[in-house]
């Protein structure tokens, strides 16, 4: 990873997918492009549905990268990291992909979201250790309510 890149850990998130919607709303408000990745197709499908109903006052336009409107849509969702591009990468997976260091270089900002579920917390510790071992700058944000 490039030396200036960092990973922002948002932890103690009560509901990972609702939090992802809030992040999407913030990124959209800042006129940036958001890429959302998880290898879990079911999780991505639930996020897709939630993005449509998250807020009555905010439209969160999103598509898959292969959709014909992808070049003009600010939020991209995929289980295939290599398809994604954007200003911010939002990670909703429990594990890092094998080529994460190379894959993450395309994104100026990375947000890794961790819920309060014990299995997700344990998986996040492994990701944190991997980032640290690779020399990635880390920032942690406790989102406990």
N, C-alpha and C. Protein backbone atom coordinates (compact mmCIF):
# COMPACT_ATOMS: atom_id res chain seq x y z
N UNK A 1 0.85 -1.18 0.00
CA UNK A 1 0.00 0.00 0.00
C UNK A 1 0.89 1.24 0.00
N UNK A 2 0.39 2.29 -0.58
CA UNK A 2 1.17 3.52 -0.59
C UNK A 2 1.28 4.04 0.84
N UNK A 3 2.40 4.67 1.19
CA UNK A 3 2.66 5.04 2.57
C UNK A 3 1.64 6.03 3.16
N UNK A 4 1.02 6.86 2.37
CA UNK A 4 0.09 7.85 2.89
C UNK A 4 -1.31 7.27 3.13
N UNK A 5 -1.58 6.10 2.61
CA UNK A 5 -2.90 5.52 2.75
C UNK A 5 -3.13 5.04 4.18
N UNK A 6 -4.40 5.13 4.62
CA UNK A 6 -4.70 4.65 5.95
C UNK A 6 -6.05 3.94 5.93
N UNK A 7 -6.26 3.16 6.95
CA UNK A 7 -7.53 2.46 7.13
C UNK A 7 -8.18 3.03 8.38
N UNK A 8 -9.43 3.46 8.23
CA UNK A 8 -10.22 3.93 9.36
C UNK A 8 -11.08 2.77 9.85
N UNK A 9 -10.86 2.38 11.10
CA UNK A 9 -11.65 1.32 11.73
C UNK A 9 -12.80 1.98 12.48
N UNK A 10 -14.03 1.66 12.09
CA UNK A 10 -15.21 2.12 12.81
C UNK A 10 -15.73 0.89 13.55
N UNK A 11 -15.58 0.89 14.88
CA UNK A 11 -15.92 -0.30 15.65
C UNK A 11 -17.01 -0.01 16.69
N UNK A 12 -17.54 -1.10 17.26
CA UNK A 12 -18.69 -1.03 18.17
C UNK A 12 -19.92 -0.47 17.47
N UNK A 13 -20.06 -0.85 16.21
CA UNK A 13 -21.21 -0.44 15.41
C UNK A 13 -22.35 -1.43 15.71
N UNK A 14 -23.49 -0.95 16.21
CA UNK A 14 -24.58 -1.85 16.58
C UNK A 14 -25.15 -2.64 15.40
N UNK A 15 -25.26 -2.00 14.25
CA UNK A 15 -25.83 -2.64 13.06
C UNK A 15 -24.96 -2.27 11.86
N UNK A 16 -24.16 -3.21 11.41
CA UNK A 16 -23.17 -2.97 10.36
C UNK A 16 -23.81 -2.43 9.07
N UNK A 17 -24.93 -2.98 8.66
CA UNK A 17 -25.54 -2.56 7.39
C UNK A 17 -26.21 -1.19 7.50
N UNK A 18 -26.87 -0.91 8.59
CA UNK A 18 -27.44 0.43 8.77
C UNK A 18 -26.33 1.48 8.85
N UNK A 19 -25.23 1.11 9.49
CA UNK A 19 -24.09 2.02 9.57
C UNK A 19 -23.52 2.27 8.16
N UNK A 20 -23.48 1.21 7.35
CA UNK A 20 -23.00 1.36 5.97
C UNK A 20 -23.88 2.35 5.20
N UNK A 21 -25.17 2.32 5.46
CA UNK A 21 -26.07 3.28 4.81
C UNK A 21 -25.75 4.71 5.24
N UNK A 22 -25.47 4.89 6.53
CA UNK A 22 -25.12 6.22 7.03
C UNK A 22 -23.81 6.71 6.40
N UNK A 23 -22.84 5.82 6.27
CA UNK A 23 -21.58 6.16 5.60
C UNK A 23 -21.87 6.54 4.15
N UNK A 24 -22.70 5.76 3.47
CA UNK A 24 -23.04 6.04 2.07
C UNK A 24 -23.67 7.42 1.94
N UNK A 25 -24.56 7.75 2.84
CA UNK A 25 -25.22 9.07 2.81
C UNK A 25 -24.19 10.19 2.98
N UNK A 26 -23.25 10.01 3.91
CA UNK A 26 -22.21 11.02 4.15
C UNK A 26 -21.30 11.17 2.94
N UNK A 27 -20.87 10.05 2.37
CA UNK A 27 -19.98 10.09 1.21
C UNK A 27 -20.69 10.75 0.03
N UNK A 28 -21.95 10.41 -0.18
CA UNK A 28 -22.74 10.99 -1.26
C UNK A 28 -22.87 12.50 -1.06
N UNK A 29 -23.14 12.92 0.18
CA UNK A 29 -23.27 14.34 0.50
C UNK A 29 -21.97 15.10 0.17
N UNK A 30 -20.84 14.43 0.33
CA UNK A 30 -19.54 15.05 0.04
C UNK A 30 -19.16 14.96 -1.44
N UNK A 31 -20.09 14.42 -2.24
CA UNK A 31 -19.90 14.30 -3.70
C UNK A 31 -18.71 13.41 -4.07
N UNK A 32 -18.53 12.37 -3.28
CA UNK A 32 -17.48 11.39 -3.54
C UNK A 32 -18.12 10.10 -4.02
N UNK A 33 -17.31 9.23 -4.60
CA UNK A 33 -17.80 7.93 -5.08
C UNK A 33 -17.43 6.85 -4.07
N UNK A 34 -18.42 6.03 -3.72
CA UNK A 34 -18.25 5.00 -2.72
C UNK A 34 -18.28 3.62 -3.37
N UNK A 35 -17.31 2.80 -3.01
CA UNK A 35 -17.28 1.40 -3.41
C UNK A 35 -17.50 0.57 -2.15
N UNK A 36 -18.46 -0.36 -2.20
CA UNK A 36 -18.77 -1.20 -1.04
C UNK A 36 -18.45 -2.64 -1.41
N UNK A 37 -17.61 -3.28 -0.55
CA UNK A 37 -17.21 -4.66 -0.84
C UNK A 37 -17.44 -5.58 0.35
N UNK A 38 -17.98 -6.74 0.02
CA UNK A 38 -18.00 -7.89 0.90
C UNK A 38 -18.04 -9.12 0.00
N UNK A 39 -17.44 -10.19 0.43
CA UNK A 39 -17.48 -11.43 -0.36
C UNK A 39 -18.79 -12.19 -0.11
N UNK A 40 -19.58 -11.73 0.84
CA UNK A 40 -20.83 -12.37 1.22
C UNK A 40 -22.00 -11.81 0.39
N UNK A 41 -22.44 -12.58 -0.60
CA UNK A 41 -23.51 -12.14 -1.50
C UNK A 41 -24.81 -11.86 -0.76
N UNK A 42 -25.12 -12.65 0.26
CA UNK A 42 -26.33 -12.43 1.04
C UNK A 42 -26.26 -11.10 1.78
N UNK A 43 -25.12 -10.81 2.39
CA UNK A 43 -24.93 -9.54 3.10
C UNK A 43 -25.07 -8.37 2.13
N UNK A 44 -24.49 -8.51 0.94
CA UNK A 44 -24.57 -7.45 -0.05
C UNK A 44 -26.01 -7.26 -0.52
N UNK A 45 -26.75 -8.34 -0.67
CA UNK A 45 -28.16 -8.24 -1.05
C UNK A 45 -29.00 -7.53 0.00
N UNK A 46 -28.72 -7.82 1.27
CA UNK A 46 -29.44 -7.14 2.35
C UNK A 46 -29.11 -5.65 2.37
N UNK A 47 -27.83 -5.31 2.10
CA UNK A 47 -27.45 -3.90 2.04
C UNK A 47 -28.14 -3.22 0.86
N UNK A 48 -28.17 -3.87 -0.27
CA UNK A 48 -28.85 -3.33 -1.45
C UNK A 48 -30.29 -2.96 -1.10
N UNK A 49 -31.02 -3.87 -0.48
CA UNK A 49 -32.41 -3.62 -0.11
C UNK A 49 -32.51 -2.48 0.91
N UNK A 50 -31.61 -2.46 1.87
CA UNK A 50 -31.64 -1.43 2.90
C UNK A 50 -31.33 -0.04 2.34
N UNK A 51 -30.45 0.04 1.37
CA UNK A 51 -30.14 1.33 0.76
C UNK A 51 -31.38 1.96 0.12
N UNK A 52 -32.29 1.15 -0.38
CA UNK A 52 -33.52 1.66 -0.99
C UNK A 52 -34.49 2.19 0.06
N UNK A 53 -34.44 1.66 1.26
CA UNK A 53 -35.43 2.04 2.27
C UNK A 53 -34.83 2.77 3.47
N UNK A 54 -33.56 3.04 3.45
CA UNK A 54 -32.87 3.61 4.61
C UNK A 54 -33.46 4.94 5.08
N UNK A 55 -33.74 5.82 4.15
CA UNK A 55 -34.22 7.15 4.53
C UNK A 55 -35.30 7.62 3.56
N UNK A 56 -36.37 8.15 4.11
CA UNK A 56 -37.42 8.72 3.27
C UNK A 56 -36.97 10.03 2.64
N UNK A 57 -35.96 10.64 3.22
CA UNK A 57 -35.53 11.96 2.76
C UNK A 57 -34.24 11.93 1.94
N UNK A 58 -33.63 10.76 1.80
CA UNK A 58 -32.36 10.69 1.07
C UNK A 58 -32.39 9.52 0.10
N UNK A 59 -32.14 9.82 -1.16
CA UNK A 59 -32.02 8.78 -2.17
C UNK A 59 -30.55 8.39 -2.26
N UNK A 60 -30.26 7.13 -2.08
CA UNK A 60 -28.89 6.64 -2.12
C UNK A 60 -28.70 5.76 -3.37
N UNK A 61 -28.43 6.41 -4.51
CA UNK A 61 -28.34 5.67 -5.77
C UNK A 61 -27.15 4.70 -5.78
N UNK A 62 -27.43 3.46 -6.13
CA UNK A 62 -26.40 2.43 -6.11
C UNK A 62 -26.70 1.36 -7.16
N UNK A 63 -25.63 0.78 -7.68
CA UNK A 63 -25.74 -0.30 -8.66
C UNK A 63 -24.50 -1.17 -8.54
N UNK A 64 -24.55 -2.28 -9.24
CA UNK A 64 -23.36 -3.13 -9.38
C UNK A 64 -22.46 -2.52 -10.45
N UNK A 65 -21.15 -2.77 -10.39
CA UNK A 65 -20.22 -2.17 -11.36
C UNK A 65 -20.52 -2.52 -12.82
N UNK A 66 -21.14 -3.68 -13.05
CA UNK A 66 -21.42 -4.07 -14.43
C UNK A 66 -22.71 -3.46 -14.98
N UNK A 67 -23.46 -2.77 -14.14
CA UNK A 67 -24.72 -2.15 -14.57
C UNK A 67 -24.42 -1.03 -15.57
N UNK A 68 -25.31 -0.83 -16.52
CA UNK A 68 -25.09 0.20 -17.57
C UNK A 68 -25.01 1.61 -16.99
N UNK A 69 -25.61 1.83 -15.82
CA UNK A 69 -25.57 3.16 -15.19
C UNK A 69 -24.40 3.34 -14.22
N UNK A 70 -23.57 2.33 -14.08
CA UNK A 70 -22.46 2.39 -13.12
C UNK A 70 -21.56 3.61 -13.30
N UNK A 71 -21.21 4.00 -14.54
CA UNK A 71 -20.31 5.16 -14.66
C UNK A 71 -20.90 6.46 -14.08
N UNK A 72 -22.23 6.53 -13.98
CA UNK A 72 -22.88 7.74 -13.48
C UNK A 72 -23.48 7.58 -12.10
N UNK A 73 -23.23 6.46 -11.44
CA UNK A 73 -23.84 6.18 -10.14
C UNK A 73 -22.77 6.29 -9.05
N UNK A 74 -23.06 7.04 -7.99
CA UNK A 74 -22.03 7.31 -6.97
C UNK A 74 -21.73 6.17 -6.00
N UNK A 75 -22.60 5.16 -5.93
CA UNK A 75 -22.37 4.06 -4.99
C UNK A 75 -22.36 2.75 -5.77
N UNK A 76 -21.24 2.03 -5.67
CA UNK A 76 -21.11 0.74 -6.34
C UNK A 76 -21.02 -0.36 -5.29
N UNK A 77 -21.73 -1.46 -5.52
CA UNK A 77 -21.73 -2.60 -4.61
C UNK A 77 -21.26 -3.83 -5.35
N UNK A 78 -20.35 -4.60 -4.72
CA UNK A 78 -19.90 -5.82 -5.39
C UNK A 78 -19.28 -6.81 -4.41
N UNK A 79 -19.36 -8.08 -4.78
CA UNK A 79 -18.64 -9.13 -4.07
C UNK A 79 -17.29 -9.36 -4.73
N UNK A 80 -17.05 -8.67 -5.83
CA UNK A 80 -15.78 -8.82 -6.56
C UNK A 80 -15.01 -7.50 -6.46
N UNK A 81 -14.04 -7.49 -5.58
CA UNK A 81 -13.27 -6.28 -5.29
C UNK A 81 -12.61 -5.69 -6.54
N UNK A 82 -12.16 -6.55 -7.43
CA UNK A 82 -11.46 -6.07 -8.63
C UNK A 82 -12.37 -5.26 -9.55
N UNK A 83 -13.68 -5.34 -9.39
CA UNK A 83 -14.61 -4.58 -10.22
C UNK A 83 -14.84 -3.17 -9.70
N UNK A 84 -14.47 -2.92 -8.48
CA UNK A 84 -14.83 -1.66 -7.83
C UNK A 84 -13.79 -0.56 -8.05
N UNK A 85 -14.31 0.65 -8.04
CA UNK A 85 -13.47 1.84 -8.06
C UNK A 85 -14.21 2.93 -7.29
N UNK A 86 -13.47 3.91 -6.81
CA UNK A 86 -14.12 5.00 -6.09
C UNK A 86 -13.15 5.78 -5.24
N UNK A 87 -13.68 6.78 -4.56
CA UNK A 87 -12.88 7.62 -3.66
C UNK A 87 -12.74 6.98 -2.29
N UNK A 88 -13.78 6.21 -1.91
CA UNK A 88 -13.82 5.57 -0.59
C UNK A 88 -14.20 4.11 -0.78
N UNK A 89 -13.45 3.23 -0.14
CA UNK A 89 -13.79 1.81 -0.13
C UNK A 89 -14.35 1.48 1.25
N UNK A 90 -15.58 0.98 1.28
CA UNK A 90 -16.22 0.58 2.51
C UNK A 90 -16.18 -0.94 2.60
N UNK A 91 -15.50 -1.44 3.62
CA UNK A 91 -15.33 -2.89 3.80
C UNK A 91 -16.36 -3.43 4.77
N UNK A 92 -17.10 -4.43 4.30
CA UNK A 92 -18.11 -5.08 5.14
C UNK A 92 -17.86 -6.57 5.22
N UNK A 93 -16.64 -6.99 4.98
CA UNK A 93 -16.31 -8.40 5.00
C UNK A 93 -15.61 -8.77 6.30
N UNK A 94 -15.63 -10.04 6.62
CA UNK A 94 -14.98 -10.50 7.84
C UNK A 94 -13.50 -10.82 7.65
N UNK A 95 -13.10 -11.00 6.40
CA UNK A 95 -11.70 -11.35 6.11
C UNK A 95 -11.17 -10.45 5.00
N UNK A 96 -9.87 -10.33 4.97
CA UNK A 96 -9.23 -9.59 3.89
C UNK A 96 -9.06 -10.50 2.68
N UNK A 97 -9.22 -9.97 1.47
CA UNK A 97 -8.94 -10.80 0.30
C UNK A 97 -7.45 -11.08 0.23
N UNK A 98 -7.03 -12.18 -0.41
CA UNK A 98 -5.61 -12.53 -0.46
C UNK A 98 -4.72 -11.42 -1.03
N UNK A 99 -5.22 -10.67 -2.00
CA UNK A 99 -4.43 -9.62 -2.66
C UNK A 99 -4.79 -8.23 -2.15
N UNK A 100 -5.19 -8.13 -0.89
CA UNK A 100 -5.72 -6.88 -0.37
C UNK A 100 -4.78 -5.70 -0.53
N UNK A 101 -3.48 -5.91 -0.34
CA UNK A 101 -2.55 -4.78 -0.41
C UNK A 101 -2.56 -4.14 -1.80
N UNK A 102 -2.55 -4.95 -2.82
CA UNK A 102 -2.60 -4.44 -4.19
C UNK A 102 -3.98 -3.88 -4.50
N UNK A 103 -5.02 -4.60 -4.14
CA UNK A 103 -6.39 -4.18 -4.45
C UNK A 103 -6.75 -2.87 -3.77
N UNK A 104 -6.31 -2.66 -2.56
CA UNK A 104 -6.68 -1.45 -1.81
C UNK A 104 -5.95 -0.21 -2.31
N UNK A 105 -4.85 -0.37 -3.03
CA UNK A 105 -4.08 0.78 -3.51
C UNK A 105 -4.89 1.72 -4.38
N UNK A 106 -5.94 1.21 -5.02
CA UNK A 106 -6.77 2.02 -5.93
C UNK A 106 -7.65 3.03 -5.18
N UNK A 107 -7.76 2.89 -3.88
CA UNK A 107 -8.72 3.70 -3.12
C UNK A 107 -8.00 4.66 -2.18
N UNK A 108 -8.27 5.96 -2.33
CA UNK A 108 -7.63 6.95 -1.46
C UNK A 108 -8.01 6.80 0.02
N UNK A 109 -9.22 6.32 0.28
CA UNK A 109 -9.67 6.18 1.67
C UNK A 109 -10.36 4.84 1.84
N UNK A 110 -10.11 4.21 3.00
CA UNK A 110 -10.69 2.90 3.29
C UNK A 110 -11.32 2.95 4.68
N UNK A 111 -12.57 2.48 4.75
CA UNK A 111 -13.29 2.40 6.02
C UNK A 111 -13.65 0.94 6.26
N UNK A 112 -13.21 0.41 7.38
CA UNK A 112 -13.47 -0.97 7.77
C UNK A 112 -14.47 -0.92 8.94
N UNK A 113 -15.65 -1.50 8.74
CA UNK A 113 -16.72 -1.42 9.72
C UNK A 113 -16.81 -2.72 10.52
N UNK A 114 -16.86 -2.57 11.85
CA UNK A 114 -16.89 -3.72 12.76
C UNK A 114 -18.08 -3.57 13.71
N UNK A 115 -18.91 -4.59 13.75
CA UNK A 115 -20.07 -4.54 14.65
C UNK A 115 -19.66 -4.98 16.05
N UNK A 116 -20.64 -5.16 16.90
CA UNK A 116 -20.39 -5.61 18.27
C UNK A 116 -20.51 -7.13 18.40
N UNK A 117 -20.79 -7.83 17.30
CA UNK A 117 -20.91 -9.29 17.35
C UNK A 117 -19.55 -9.92 17.61
N UNK A 118 -19.47 -10.85 18.56
CA UNK A 118 -18.18 -11.45 18.94
C UNK A 118 -17.39 -12.05 17.77
N UNK A 119 -18.05 -12.73 16.83
CA UNK A 119 -17.31 -13.32 15.71
C UNK A 119 -16.74 -12.25 14.79
N UNK A 120 -17.49 -11.16 14.60
CA UNK A 120 -16.98 -10.06 13.77
C UNK A 120 -15.84 -9.34 14.47
N UNK A 121 -15.94 -9.19 15.78
CA UNK A 121 -14.86 -8.56 16.53
C UNK A 121 -13.57 -9.37 16.43
N UNK A 122 -13.68 -10.67 16.56
CA UNK A 122 -12.50 -11.52 16.45
C UNK A 122 -11.89 -11.44 15.06
N UNK A 123 -12.73 -11.47 14.02
CA UNK A 123 -12.23 -11.36 12.65
C UNK A 123 -11.56 -10.00 12.42
N UNK A 124 -12.12 -8.96 13.03
CA UNK A 124 -11.55 -7.62 12.84
C UNK A 124 -10.16 -7.51 13.46
N UNK A 125 -9.94 -8.24 14.53
CA UNK A 125 -8.60 -8.21 15.16
C UNK A 125 -7.56 -8.80 14.22
N UNK A 126 -7.92 -9.83 13.49
CA UNK A 126 -6.99 -10.42 12.52
C UNK A 126 -6.71 -9.42 11.39
N UNK A 127 -7.74 -8.71 10.94
CA UNK A 127 -7.53 -7.71 9.89
C UNK A 127 -6.63 -6.59 10.41
N UNK A 128 -6.89 -6.15 11.63
CA UNK A 128 -6.10 -5.08 12.24
C UNK A 128 -4.62 -5.49 12.31
N UNK A 129 -4.36 -6.73 12.75
CA UNK A 129 -2.98 -7.21 12.82
C UNK A 129 -2.33 -7.25 11.44
N UNK A 130 -3.10 -7.65 10.42
CA UNK A 130 -2.56 -7.70 9.05
C UNK A 130 -2.21 -6.29 8.55
N UNK A 131 -3.09 -5.34 8.81
CA UNK A 131 -2.81 -3.95 8.42
C UNK A 131 -1.55 -3.45 9.12
N UNK A 132 -1.49 -3.70 10.42
CA UNK A 132 -0.35 -3.23 11.22
C UNK A 132 0.96 -3.84 10.72
N UNK A 133 0.94 -5.15 10.44
CA UNK A 133 2.13 -5.84 9.95
C UNK A 133 2.58 -5.29 8.60
N UNK A 134 1.62 -4.79 7.80
CA UNK A 134 1.95 -4.24 6.48
C UNK A 134 2.37 -2.77 6.56
N UNK A 135 2.30 -2.20 7.76
CA UNK A 135 2.72 -0.81 7.92
C UNK A 135 1.67 0.22 7.53
N UNK A 136 0.41 -0.20 7.48
CA UNK A 136 -0.67 0.71 7.13
C UNK A 136 -0.96 1.63 8.31
N UNK A 137 -1.18 2.90 8.03
CA UNK A 137 -1.59 3.84 9.08
C UNK A 137 -3.03 3.50 9.47
N UNK A 138 -3.28 3.40 10.76
CA UNK A 138 -4.60 3.02 11.26
C UNK A 138 -5.18 4.11 12.14
N UNK A 139 -6.48 4.31 11.99
CA UNK A 139 -7.23 5.21 12.86
C UNK A 139 -8.44 4.44 13.36
N UNK A 140 -8.75 4.57 14.64
CA UNK A 140 -9.86 3.83 15.21
C UNK A 140 -10.92 4.81 15.74
N UNK A 141 -12.17 4.50 15.44
CA UNK A 141 -13.30 5.34 15.85
C UNK A 141 -14.32 4.46 16.54
N UNK A 142 -14.51 4.71 17.83
CA UNK A 142 -15.47 3.95 18.61
C UNK A 142 -16.86 4.53 18.38
N UNK A 143 -17.74 3.74 17.80
CA UNK A 143 -19.09 4.21 17.44
C UNK A 143 -20.15 3.69 18.42
N UNK A 144 -19.71 3.38 19.63
CA UNK A 144 -20.65 2.92 20.66
C UNK A 144 -21.68 4.01 20.91
N UNK A 145 -22.93 3.59 21.04
CA UNK A 145 -24.00 4.59 21.24
C UNK A 145 -24.36 4.70 22.69
